[in-house]
Amino acid sequence: AISAFGGVMQTIHMPYGKTDIEFFLTHSGARAVVCLPDFKEFPTAQVMTGFKANSTTLKDVIVLGPEAPEGAVTFSSLLQEGKPVIGNPPVGSDPYLLLYTSGTTSNPKGVPLTYQNMLGHGRLCVPEFEMTEDDRVLSAAPLSHLYGLYNINCAFAAGAAMVMLPAFSPPDLARVVEATQTTAIFMGPAHAAAYRGTDILQSHDFSSVKYSVFSGAYSPPDVMTYWGEQTGSALCQLWGMTELAAGTFSRPGMDVETATRSAGPAAPGNEVRVVSAETGAQLSANEEGELQVRGASVFPGYLNNPDANAEAFTCEGWFRTGDLATIDGQGNLTITGRIKDIINRGGVKYNPADIEEIIFTHPKVAMTAIVPMEDEKLGERACCFVQLVSGETTDLAEITAFLAAQNISKNKWPERLETVKDMPLTPTRKVIKGKLAALLED
């Protein structure tokens, strides 16, 4: 959708769900929406014209296609010759992009990002990636989300070519890389994991790929190492959020061990620190605490949400990310979990991310997530959700025995196991733990 907000046109990403679309259009005050006639079985243009009929703000539905339903116009009918005249040209601090948080644990919030946040930040990052006009950049991640948009801006700032992948599948990405001689790939760990158990990487030429950047979700070291060994690509890991694009990232020239265990140092123009969640005091190297960031890529504040902004920023302008992390003596960041995911079992708190990492290595497990469940005696216990490899079965006893073999103390074992056919994911392949927790209430 496109919204006139602050006098500037900006894009709003929307998931393809009717309720989601209505929420985003209403919340953003969008005055125009650009859409496909249909998306798979979803009658997009028809739904949008229905919203328009009942909206006080939505005035135009613009369809990318040769025909438009009643109440809409085609994009081609709006094209004009010559250079448009802009009476109030934007400046760097103007809103450029309106996105919504992925809502993995709560309702999504509107995130306006400025020209400086996106275009200026991308330009600063180009030299760090050693990206030039000779590069060909491919994004396995959706281009409608911040990660994909970020690497587009980097490529444009470098004058590099963007290699278009209509939709990810392991064979399609391999064919495109080989055909176009792609030099850099921006991807998620789930994309790399999809190749395990296949011979696709061995049967295609990845020798042109100088480096691969992993982001969007926790990146297991074994998955990254596998990808590097199979493709010959250098490895990078990037940490970011909807609110700040690239917060930190390891650079292509760094050693494999640094890249697989950390998301590197702060991106240019940014600062990161780890503080005590109880006192707010900055912690020493390698101590776990709440991650905070401020700098050139950090958004100015949530849209029309003063309560969220008061909670999100310190008086010194640090953005409270909600992540748990450590920063080593060289400034390299390692995300260790989410504050809201901490399980408080009888007063003993622990981070389930460490347990998830181990369960993920079980040969029967394709994906896993641990969420707290209420308990009358202990306050909380852990429930483990797993998506299994096709054709496999497991039970709680097998999972806990696997943890016992890894010398994990019993108080950190999950006490309930639920198997799901498909893990609920955001389009960038983050597990939506809020939806898993809701299943426990049913």
Protein backbone atom coordinates (compact mmCIF):
# COMPACT_ATOMS: atom_id res chain seq x y z
CA ALA A 1 0.00 0.00 0.00
CA ILE A 2 1.06 3.60 -0.44
CA SER A 3 0.23 6.20 2.16
CA ALA A 4 0.50 9.98 2.15
CA PHE A 5 2.01 10.49 5.59
CA GLY A 6 3.74 13.73 6.49
CA GLY A 7 3.37 14.87 2.90
CA VAL A 8 5.57 12.00 1.66
CA MET A 9 4.53 8.85 -0.17
CA GLN A 10 5.76 5.68 1.49
CA THR A 11 5.35 1.95 1.23
CA ILE A 12 3.58 -0.13 3.86
CA HIS A 13 4.29 -3.84 3.87
CA MET A 14 1.24 -6.00 4.47
CA PRO A 15 0.88 -9.77 4.95
CA TYR A 16 -1.71 -11.35 2.67
CA GLY A 17 -4.52 -11.73 5.17
CA LYS A 18 -7.80 -9.83 4.95
CA THR A 19 -7.82 -8.88 8.63
CA ASP A 20 -4.17 -7.81 8.51
CA ILE A 21 -4.75 -5.68 5.41
CA GLU A 22 -7.72 -3.90 6.93
CA PHE A 23 -5.75 -3.19 10.11
CA PHE A 24 -2.75 -1.74 8.28
CA LEU A 25 -4.81 0.37 5.90
CA THR A 26 -6.85 1.80 8.76
CA HIS A 27 -3.97 2.31 11.17
CA SER A 28 -1.72 3.97 8.59
CA GLY A 29 -4.42 6.21 7.14
CA ALA A 30 -3.45 5.05 3.66
CA ARG A 31 -4.97 7.17 0.88
CA ALA A 32 -3.97 4.90 -2.01
CA VAL A 33 -3.12 1.24 -2.43
CA VAL A 34 -1.20 -0.39 -5.31
CA CYS A 35 -1.91 -4.08 -5.70
CA LEU A 36 -1.97 -7.08 -8.01
CA PRO A 37 -5.32 -8.10 -9.49
CA ASP A 38 -5.03 -11.38 -7.57
CA PHE A 39 -2.43 -13.10 -5.42
CA LYS A 40 -2.71 -16.88 -5.80
CA GLU A 41 -6.33 -17.55 -4.71
CA PHE A 42 -6.70 -14.19 -2.96
CA PRO A 43 -8.79 -11.64 -4.98
CA THR A 44 -6.60 -8.68 -4.00
CA ALA A 45 -8.08 -5.90 -6.14
CA GLN A 46 -11.64 -6.92 -5.27
CA VAL A 47 -10.85 -6.92 -1.55
CA MET A 48 -9.18 -3.51 -1.79
CA THR A 49 -12.16 -1.91 -3.54
CA GLY A 50 -14.37 -3.35 -0.80
CA PHE A 51 -12.21 -1.66 1.83
CA LYS A 52 -12.33 1.59 -0.15
CA ALA A 53 -16.12 1.61 -0.11
CA ASN A 54 -16.14 1.52 3.71
CA SER A 55 -13.07 3.65 4.44
CA THR A 56 -12.89 7.33 5.32
CA THR A 57 -9.25 7.60 4.20
CA LEU A 58 -8.64 5.20 1.31
CA LYS A 59 -9.39 7.05 -1.93
CA ASP A 60 -7.62 5.17 -4.72
CA VAL A 61 -7.06 1.52 -5.62
CA ILE A 62 -4.41 1.14 -8.33
CA VAL A 63 -4.10 -2.25 -10.04
CA LEU A 64 -0.93 -3.60 -11.64
CA GLY A 65 -2.48 -5.24 -14.67
CA PRO A 66 -4.32 -4.60 -17.93
CA GLU A 67 -7.74 -4.37 -16.26
CA ALA A 68 -9.17 -3.04 -13.01
CA PRO A 69 -12.48 -3.81 -11.29
CA GLU A 70 -15.08 -1.13 -10.72
CA GLY A 71 -13.82 1.39 -8.17
CA ALA A 72 -10.16 0.97 -9.19
CA VAL A 73 -7.84 2.19 -11.96
CA THR A 74 -4.90 0.56 -13.72
CA PHE A 75 -1.37 1.72 -12.97
CA SER A 76 -0.66 2.26 -16.68
CA SER A 77 -3.54 4.76 -16.95
CA LEU A 78 -1.72 7.07 -14.51
CA LEU A 79 1.57 7.21 -16.40
CA GLN A 80 2.52 10.62 -17.76
CA GLU A 81 5.27 11.84 -20.07
CA GLY A 82 8.13 13.90 -18.68
CA LYS A 83 9.58 14.51 -15.25
CA PRO A 84 7.01 15.13 -12.50
CA VAL A 85 7.09 18.39 -10.58
CA ILE A 86 7.35 17.95 -6.81
CA GLY A 87 6.25 21.06 -4.97
CA ASN A 88 7.58 19.97 -1.59
CA PRO A 89 10.65 17.73 -2.20
CA PRO A 90 11.57 15.43 0.71
CA VAL A 91 14.56 15.87 3.01
CA GLY A 92 16.55 13.21 4.85
CA SER A 93 14.49 13.35 8.04
CA ASP A 94 11.16 12.87 6.23
CA PRO A 95 9.36 9.53 6.52
CA TYR A 96 10.32 7.27 3.62
CA LEU A 97 8.93 3.87 4.54
CA LEU A 98 6.19 2.64 6.86
CA LEU A 99 6.56 -0.97 7.95
CA TYR A 100 4.96 -2.99 10.72
CA THR A 101 6.72 -5.13 13.28
CA SER A 102 6.40 -8.83 12.67
CA GLY A 103 4.26 -9.35 15.76
CA THR A 104 6.06 -12.52 16.88
CA THR A 105 4.96 -11.94 20.50
CA SER A 106 2.43 -9.10 20.37
CA ASN A 107 0.35 -6.92 18.08
CA PRO A 108 2.34 -5.29 15.25
CA LYS A 109 3.31 -1.62 15.59
CA GLY A 110 3.76 0.95 12.82
CA VAL A 111 7.43 1.79 12.19
CA PRO A 112 8.09 4.91 10.08
CA LEU A 113 11.65 4.96 8.73
CA THR A 114 13.24 8.06 7.25
CA TYR A 115 15.26 8.58 4.09
CA GLN A 116 18.33 8.83 6.31
CA ASN A 117 17.49 5.57 8.11
CA MET A 118 17.25 3.64 4.84
CA LEU A 119 19.11 5.34 1.99
CA GLY A 120 21.87 6.97 4.03
CA HIS A 121 22.41 3.84 6.11
CA GLY A 122 22.64 1.61 3.03
CA ARG A 123 25.26 3.94 1.52
CA LEU A 124 27.36 3.78 4.72
CA CYS A 125 27.27 -0.04 4.71
CA VAL A 126 28.39 -0.51 1.08
CA PRO A 127 32.14 -0.13 1.76
CA GLU A 128 31.88 -2.54 4.70
CA PHE A 129 30.56 -5.23 2.35
CA GLU A 130 33.17 -4.23 -0.26
CA MET A 131 30.28 -4.02 -2.70
CA THR A 132 30.93 -2.40 -6.10
CA GLU A 133 29.19 -1.78 -9.41
CA ASP A 134 30.57 -5.12 -10.63
CA ASP A 135 28.57 -7.10 -8.07
CA ARG A 136 25.35 -9.04 -8.65
CA VAL A 137 23.28 -9.24 -5.46
CA LEU A 138 20.54 -11.80 -4.84
CA SER A 139 18.07 -11.76 -1.96
CA ALA A 140 16.50 -15.05 -0.93
CA ALA A 141 14.54 -13.05 1.63
CA PRO A 142 11.33 -11.28 0.50
CA LEU A 143 11.92 -7.86 -1.04
CA SER A 144 8.75 -6.61 0.68
CA HIS A 145 10.43 -6.78 4.10
CA LEU A 146 13.13 -4.69 5.71
CA TYR A 147 15.95 -7.20 5.21
CA GLY A 148 15.24 -7.43 1.50
CA LEU A 149 14.72 -3.68 1.17
CA TYR A 150 17.99 -3.06 3.01
CA ASN A 151 20.08 -5.09 0.60
CA ILE A 152 18.32 -3.46 -2.37
CA ASN A 153 19.37 -0.06 -1.01
CA CYS A 154 22.93 -1.29 -0.55
CA ALA A 155 23.03 -2.59 -4.12
CA PHE A 156 21.62 0.65 -5.53
CA ALA A 157 24.10 2.75 -3.52
CA ALA A 158 26.96 0.64 -4.92
CA GLY A 159 25.58 0.68 -8.47
CA ALA A 160 25.40 -3.13 -8.31
CA ALA A 161 22.85 -5.28 -10.13
CA MET A 162 19.96 -6.88 -8.23
CA VAL A 163 19.35 -10.47 -9.30
CA MET A 164 15.64 -11.17 -9.08
CA LEU A 165 14.35 -14.43 -7.61
CA PRO A 166 10.55 -14.59 -8.05
CA ALA A 167 10.12 -17.03 -5.16
CA PHE A 168 12.55 -19.09 -3.13
CA SER A 169 12.98 -22.79 -3.65
CA PRO A 170 16.31 -24.62 -3.31
CA PRO A 171 16.49 -25.63 -7.01
CA ASP A 172 15.42 -22.19 -8.26
CA LEU A 173 17.98 -20.26 -6.21
CA ALA A 174 20.76 -22.63 -7.32
CA ARG A 175 19.81 -22.27 -10.99
CA VAL A 176 19.64 -18.47 -10.77
CA VAL A 177 23.01 -18.21 -8.99
CA GLU A 178 24.66 -20.37 -11.63
CA ALA A 179 23.01 -18.59 -14.57
CA THR A 180 23.71 -15.04 -13.38
CA GLN A 181 27.04 -15.61 -11.62
CA THR A 182 25.69 -14.01 -8.45
CA THR A 183 28.44 -12.54 -6.24
CA ALA A 184 26.55 -11.89 -2.96
CA ILE A 185 23.54 -13.61 -1.40
CA PHE A 186 21.40 -12.20 1.44
CA MET A 187 19.47 -15.06 3.03
CA GLY A 188 18.04 -16.61 6.18
CA PRO A 189 19.28 -19.75 7.94
CA ALA A 190 16.13 -21.61 6.86
CA HIS A 191 17.10 -21.07 3.21
CA ALA A 192 20.47 -22.77 3.75
CA ALA A 193 18.98 -25.53 5.92
CA ALA A 194 16.61 -26.45 3.07
CA TYR A 195 19.58 -27.79 1.08
CA ARG A 196 20.66 -30.35 3.65
CA GLY A 197 19.87 -33.88 2.55
CA THR A 198 19.93 -32.87 -1.14
CA ASP A 199 22.66 -32.82 -3.80
CA ILE A 200 21.59 -29.44 -5.23
CA LEU A 201 24.63 -27.48 -4.07
CA GLN A 202 27.04 -30.08 -5.40
CA SER A 203 25.35 -30.12 -8.81
CA HIS A 204 25.39 -26.32 -9.33
CA ASP A 205 28.21 -23.79 -9.63
CA PHE A 206 28.43 -21.36 -6.69
CA SER A 207 32.03 -20.32 -7.34
CA SER A 208 31.01 -16.74 -8.23
CA VAL A 209 29.55 -16.11 -4.74
CA LYS A 210 32.05 -14.08 -2.72
CA TYR A 211 30.00 -13.96 0.48
CA SER A 212 26.60 -14.88 1.92
CA VAL A 213 24.85 -12.79 4.60
CA PHE A 214 22.62 -14.60 7.11
CA SER A 215 19.87 -12.77 8.99
CA GLY A 216 16.17 -12.79 9.87
CA ALA A 217 16.34 -15.48 12.58
CA TYR A 218 18.79 -17.31 14.79
CA SER A 219 21.58 -18.68 12.58
CA PRO A 220 22.83 -22.07 13.85
CA PRO A 221 26.62 -22.29 13.42
CA ASP A 222 26.37 -25.76 11.88
CA VAL A 223 23.96 -24.49 9.19
CA MET A 224 26.23 -21.57 8.33
CA THR A 225 29.32 -23.80 8.32
CA TYR A 226 27.56 -26.31 6.06
CA TRP A 227 26.67 -23.55 3.60
CA GLY A 228 30.19 -22.16 3.56
CA GLU A 229 31.78 -25.58 3.06
CA GLN A 230 29.39 -26.57 0.28
CA THR A 231 29.46 -23.28 -1.67
CA GLY A 232 32.92 -21.91 -0.89
CA SER A 233 31.27 -18.62 0.09
CA ALA A 234 32.62 -16.39 2.84
CA LEU A 235 30.09 -16.05 5.69
CA CYS A 236 28.56 -12.97 7.30
CA GLN A 237 25.87 -12.69 9.96
CA LEU A 238 23.66 -9.62 10.33
CA TRP A 239 21.45 -8.59 13.23
CA GLY A 240 18.67 -6.12 12.58
CA MET A 241 15.08 -5.25 13.37
CA THR A 242 12.20 -3.54 11.61
CA GLU A 243 13.02 -0.51 13.77
CA LEU A 244 16.62 -0.12 12.63
CA ALA A 245 17.55 -2.17 9.55
CA ALA A 246 21.13 -3.41 10.03
CA GLY A 247 22.21 -2.89 13.62
CA THR A 248 25.41 -4.94 13.45
CA PHE A 249 27.01 -7.33 10.99
CA SER A 250 30.20 -9.33 10.53
CA ARG A 251 32.23 -8.25 7.53
CA PRO A 252 33.22 -10.55 4.62
CA GLY A 253 36.90 -10.47 5.62
CA MET A 254 36.31 -11.76 9.14
CA ASP A 255 37.20 -15.32 10.12
CA VAL A 256 34.60 -18.09 9.99
CA GLU A 257 34.51 -18.55 13.77
CA THR A 258 33.59 -14.90 14.35
CA ALA A 259 30.96 -14.94 11.61
CA THR A 260 29.25 -18.11 12.84
CA ARG A 261 29.14 -17.20 16.53
CA SER A 262 28.35 -13.49 16.27
CA ALA A 263 26.66 -10.79 14.22
CA GLY A 264 29.85 -8.74 14.25
CA PRO A 265 30.37 -5.15 15.37
CA ALA A 266 27.99 -2.20 15.01
CA ALA A 267 27.04 -1.03 11.55
CA PRO A 268 28.58 2.33 10.59
CA GLY A 269 26.75 5.19 12.31
CA ASN A 270 25.36 2.97 15.08
CA GLU A 271 26.30 2.21 18.70
CA VAL A 272 25.31 -0.90 20.64
CA ARG A 273 25.54 -1.71 24.33
CA VAL A 274 24.34 -4.37 26.78
CA VAL A 275 22.83 -3.25 30.09
CA SER A 276 21.46 -4.89 33.21
CA ALA A 277 17.70 -5.37 32.88
CA GLU A 278 17.35 -4.64 36.60
CA THR A 279 19.59 -1.58 37.06
CA GLY A 280 20.16 -0.24 33.54
CA ALA A 281 23.94 -0.17 34.15
CA GLN A 282 26.17 -0.99 31.19
CA LEU A 283 27.70 -4.46 31.48
CA SER A 284 31.23 -5.60 30.81
CA ALA A 285 32.35 -7.68 27.84
CA ASN A 286 30.71 -11.11 27.49
CA GLU A 287 28.07 -10.43 30.18
CA GLU A 288 24.49 -11.17 29.11
CA GLY A 289 21.92 -8.41 29.37
CA GLU A 290 19.43 -6.27 27.50
CA LEU A 291 20.64 -5.04 24.10
CA GLN A 292 20.23 -1.34 23.33
CA VAL A 293 21.14 0.56 20.15
CA ARG A 294 21.17 4.12 18.92
CA GLY A 295 22.44 5.79 15.78
CA ALA A 296 21.83 6.67 12.16
CA SER A 297 19.66 3.69 11.25
CA VAL A 298 17.34 3.76 14.30
CA PHE A 299 13.76 4.85 13.60
CA PRO A 300 12.38 8.02 15.25
CA GLY A 301 9.47 6.30 17.04
CA TYR A 302 6.34 4.19 16.55
CA LEU A 303 3.45 5.70 14.59
CA ASN A 304 0.82 7.30 16.85
CA ASN A 305 1.91 5.21 19.83
CA PRO A 306 3.32 7.41 22.63
CA ASP A 307 3.02 4.66 25.24
CA ALA A 308 5.15 2.28 23.17
CA ASN A 309 7.69 5.03 22.50
CA ALA A 310 8.00 5.87 26.19
CA GLU A 311 8.75 2.23 26.90
CA ALA A 312 11.04 1.73 23.89
CA PHE A 313 13.53 4.59 24.36
CA THR A 314 15.70 5.67 27.27
CA CYS A 315 16.08 9.36 28.11
CA GLU A 316 19.48 9.24 26.38
CA GLY A 317 17.98 8.02 23.11
CA TRP A 318 18.93 4.34 23.36
CA PHE A 319 16.36 1.99 21.79
CA ARG A 320 15.47 -0.97 23.98
CA THR A 321 15.44 -3.87 21.52
CA GLY A 322 13.97 -6.51 23.84
CA ASP A 323 16.82 -8.86 22.86
CA LEU A 324 19.23 -10.53 25.25
CA ALA A 325 22.82 -10.37 24.06
CA THR A 326 26.51 -10.32 24.84
CA ILE A 327 29.23 -8.15 23.28
CA ASP A 328 32.78 -9.46 23.32
CA GLY A 329 35.99 -7.51 23.83
CA GLN A 330 36.23 -6.80 20.08
CA GLY A 331 32.71 -5.38 19.94
CA ASN A 332 31.12 -8.40 18.26
CA LEU A 333 27.46 -8.95 19.13
CA THR A 334 25.88 -12.30 19.93
CA ILE A 335 22.10 -12.47 20.34
CA THR A 336 21.23 -14.96 23.07
CA GLY A 337 17.43 -14.70 23.19
CA ARG A 338 14.43 -12.47 23.82
CA ILE A 339 13.63 -10.99 27.23
CA LYS A 340 9.97 -11.97 26.84
CA ASP A 341 10.97 -15.58 26.11
CA ILE A 342 12.72 -16.06 29.46
CA ILE A 343 11.14 -18.89 31.42
CA ASN A 344 10.72 -18.37 35.15
CA ARG A 345 10.38 -21.86 36.62
CA GLY A 346 9.82 -21.60 40.36
CA GLY A 347 11.89 -18.43 40.60
CA VAL A 348 14.79 -19.86 38.54
CA LYS A 349 15.00 -18.02 35.22
CA TYR A 350 16.64 -19.40 32.10
CA ASN A 351 16.89 -18.56 28.43
CA PRO A 352 15.24 -21.25 26.24
CA ALA A 353 17.28 -20.23 23.17
CA ASP A 354 20.17 -22.44 24.30
CA ILE A 355 17.85 -25.44 24.60
CA GLU A 356 16.22 -24.70 21.24
CA GLU A 357 19.65 -24.68 19.60
CA ILE A 358 20.39 -28.16 20.91
CA ILE A 359 16.98 -29.64 20.02
CA PHE A 360 17.35 -28.18 16.51
CA THR A 361 20.34 -30.51 15.98
CA HIS A 362 18.21 -33.63 16.63
CA PRO A 363 18.05 -35.53 13.31
CA LYS A 364 14.26 -35.84 13.49
CA VAL A 365 13.62 -32.13 14.13
CA ALA A 366 13.18 -29.63 11.29
CA MET A 367 12.22 -26.62 13.45
CA THR A 368 11.65 -26.02 17.14
CA ALA A 369 10.52 -23.33 19.56
CA ILE A 370 10.06 -23.31 23.33
CA VAL A 371 7.42 -21.15 24.99
CA PRO A 372 6.45 -20.72 28.65
CA MET A 373 3.16 -22.19 29.86
CA GLU A 374 1.42 -21.20 33.06
CA ASP A 375 1.73 -23.51 36.04
CA GLU A 376 -0.08 -23.18 39.39
CA LYS A 377 2.84 -24.47 41.46
CA LEU A 378 5.94 -23.17 39.67
CA GLY A 379 4.53 -20.16 37.85
CA GLU A 380 5.85 -21.32 34.48
CA ARG A 381 7.00 -24.49 32.80
CA ALA A 382 8.44 -25.00 29.32
CA CYS A 383 6.52 -26.40 26.37
CA CYS A 384 8.53 -27.46 23.34
CA PHE A 385 6.94 -27.25 19.90
CA VAL A 386 8.59 -29.20 17.09
CA GLN A 387 8.07 -29.48 13.37
CA LEU A 388 9.46 -32.87 12.41
CA VAL A 389 11.36 -34.04 9.38
CA SER A 390 8.90 -35.66 6.97
CA GLY A 391 7.98 -39.20 8.00
CA GLU A 392 9.49 -38.98 11.50
CA THR A 393 7.88 -39.29 14.90
CA THR A 394 9.12 -38.48 18.39
CA ASP A 395 7.92 -37.98 21.95
CA LEU A 396 8.90 -36.02 25.05
CA ALA A 397 10.99 -38.88 26.45
CA GLU A 398 13.17 -38.99 23.33
CA ILE A 399 13.69 -35.21 23.37
CA THR A 400 14.60 -35.09 27.07
CA ALA A 401 16.93 -38.08 26.66
CA PHE A 402 18.65 -36.18 23.86
CA LEU A 403 19.10 -33.20 26.17
CA ALA A 404 20.36 -35.43 28.97
CA ALA A 405 23.01 -36.79 26.62
CA GLN A 406 24.13 -33.18 26.08
CA ASN A 407 24.48 -32.71 29.87
CA ILE A 408 21.60 -30.22 30.06
CA SER A 409 20.32 -29.90 33.64
CA LYS A 410 16.87 -31.34 34.21
CA ASN A 411 15.31 -28.05 35.32
CA LYS A 412 15.79 -26.76 31.75
CA TRP A 413 14.10 -29.70 30.06
CA PRO A 414 10.71 -29.03 28.44
CA GLU A 415 7.88 -30.65 30.33
CA ARG A 416 5.45 -30.83 27.45
CA LEU A 417 5.94 -31.60 23.77
CA GLU A 418 3.62 -30.51 20.98
CA THR A 419 4.11 -31.49 17.34
CA VAL A 420 2.93 -29.08 14.65
CA LYS A 421 2.69 -29.80 10.94
CA ASP A 422 3.94 -26.34 10.02
CA MET A 423 5.60 -23.90 12.40
CA PRO A 424 3.85 -20.48 12.31
CA LEU A 425 6.36 -18.14 10.65
CA THR A 426 6.61 -14.54 9.62
CA PRO A 427 7.49 -14.01 5.92
CA THR A 428 11.11 -13.61 7.04
CA ARG A 429 10.95 -17.06 8.68
CA LYS A 430 10.85 -16.04 12.33
CA VAL A 431 8.76 -18.32 14.54
CA ILE A 432 5.65 -16.52 15.80
CA LYS A 433 5.81 -17.66 19.41
CA GLY A 434 2.65 -15.74 20.26
CA LYS A 435 0.65 -18.10 18.03
CA LEU A 436 2.24 -21.13 19.66
CA ALA A 437 1.41 -19.80 23.12
CA ALA A 438 -2.19 -19.29 22.00
CA LEU A 439 -2.40 -23.00 21.11
CA LEU A 440 -1.74 -23.82 24.77
CA GLU A 441 -4.80 -21.80 25.76
CA ASP A 442 -7.16 -23.66 23.39
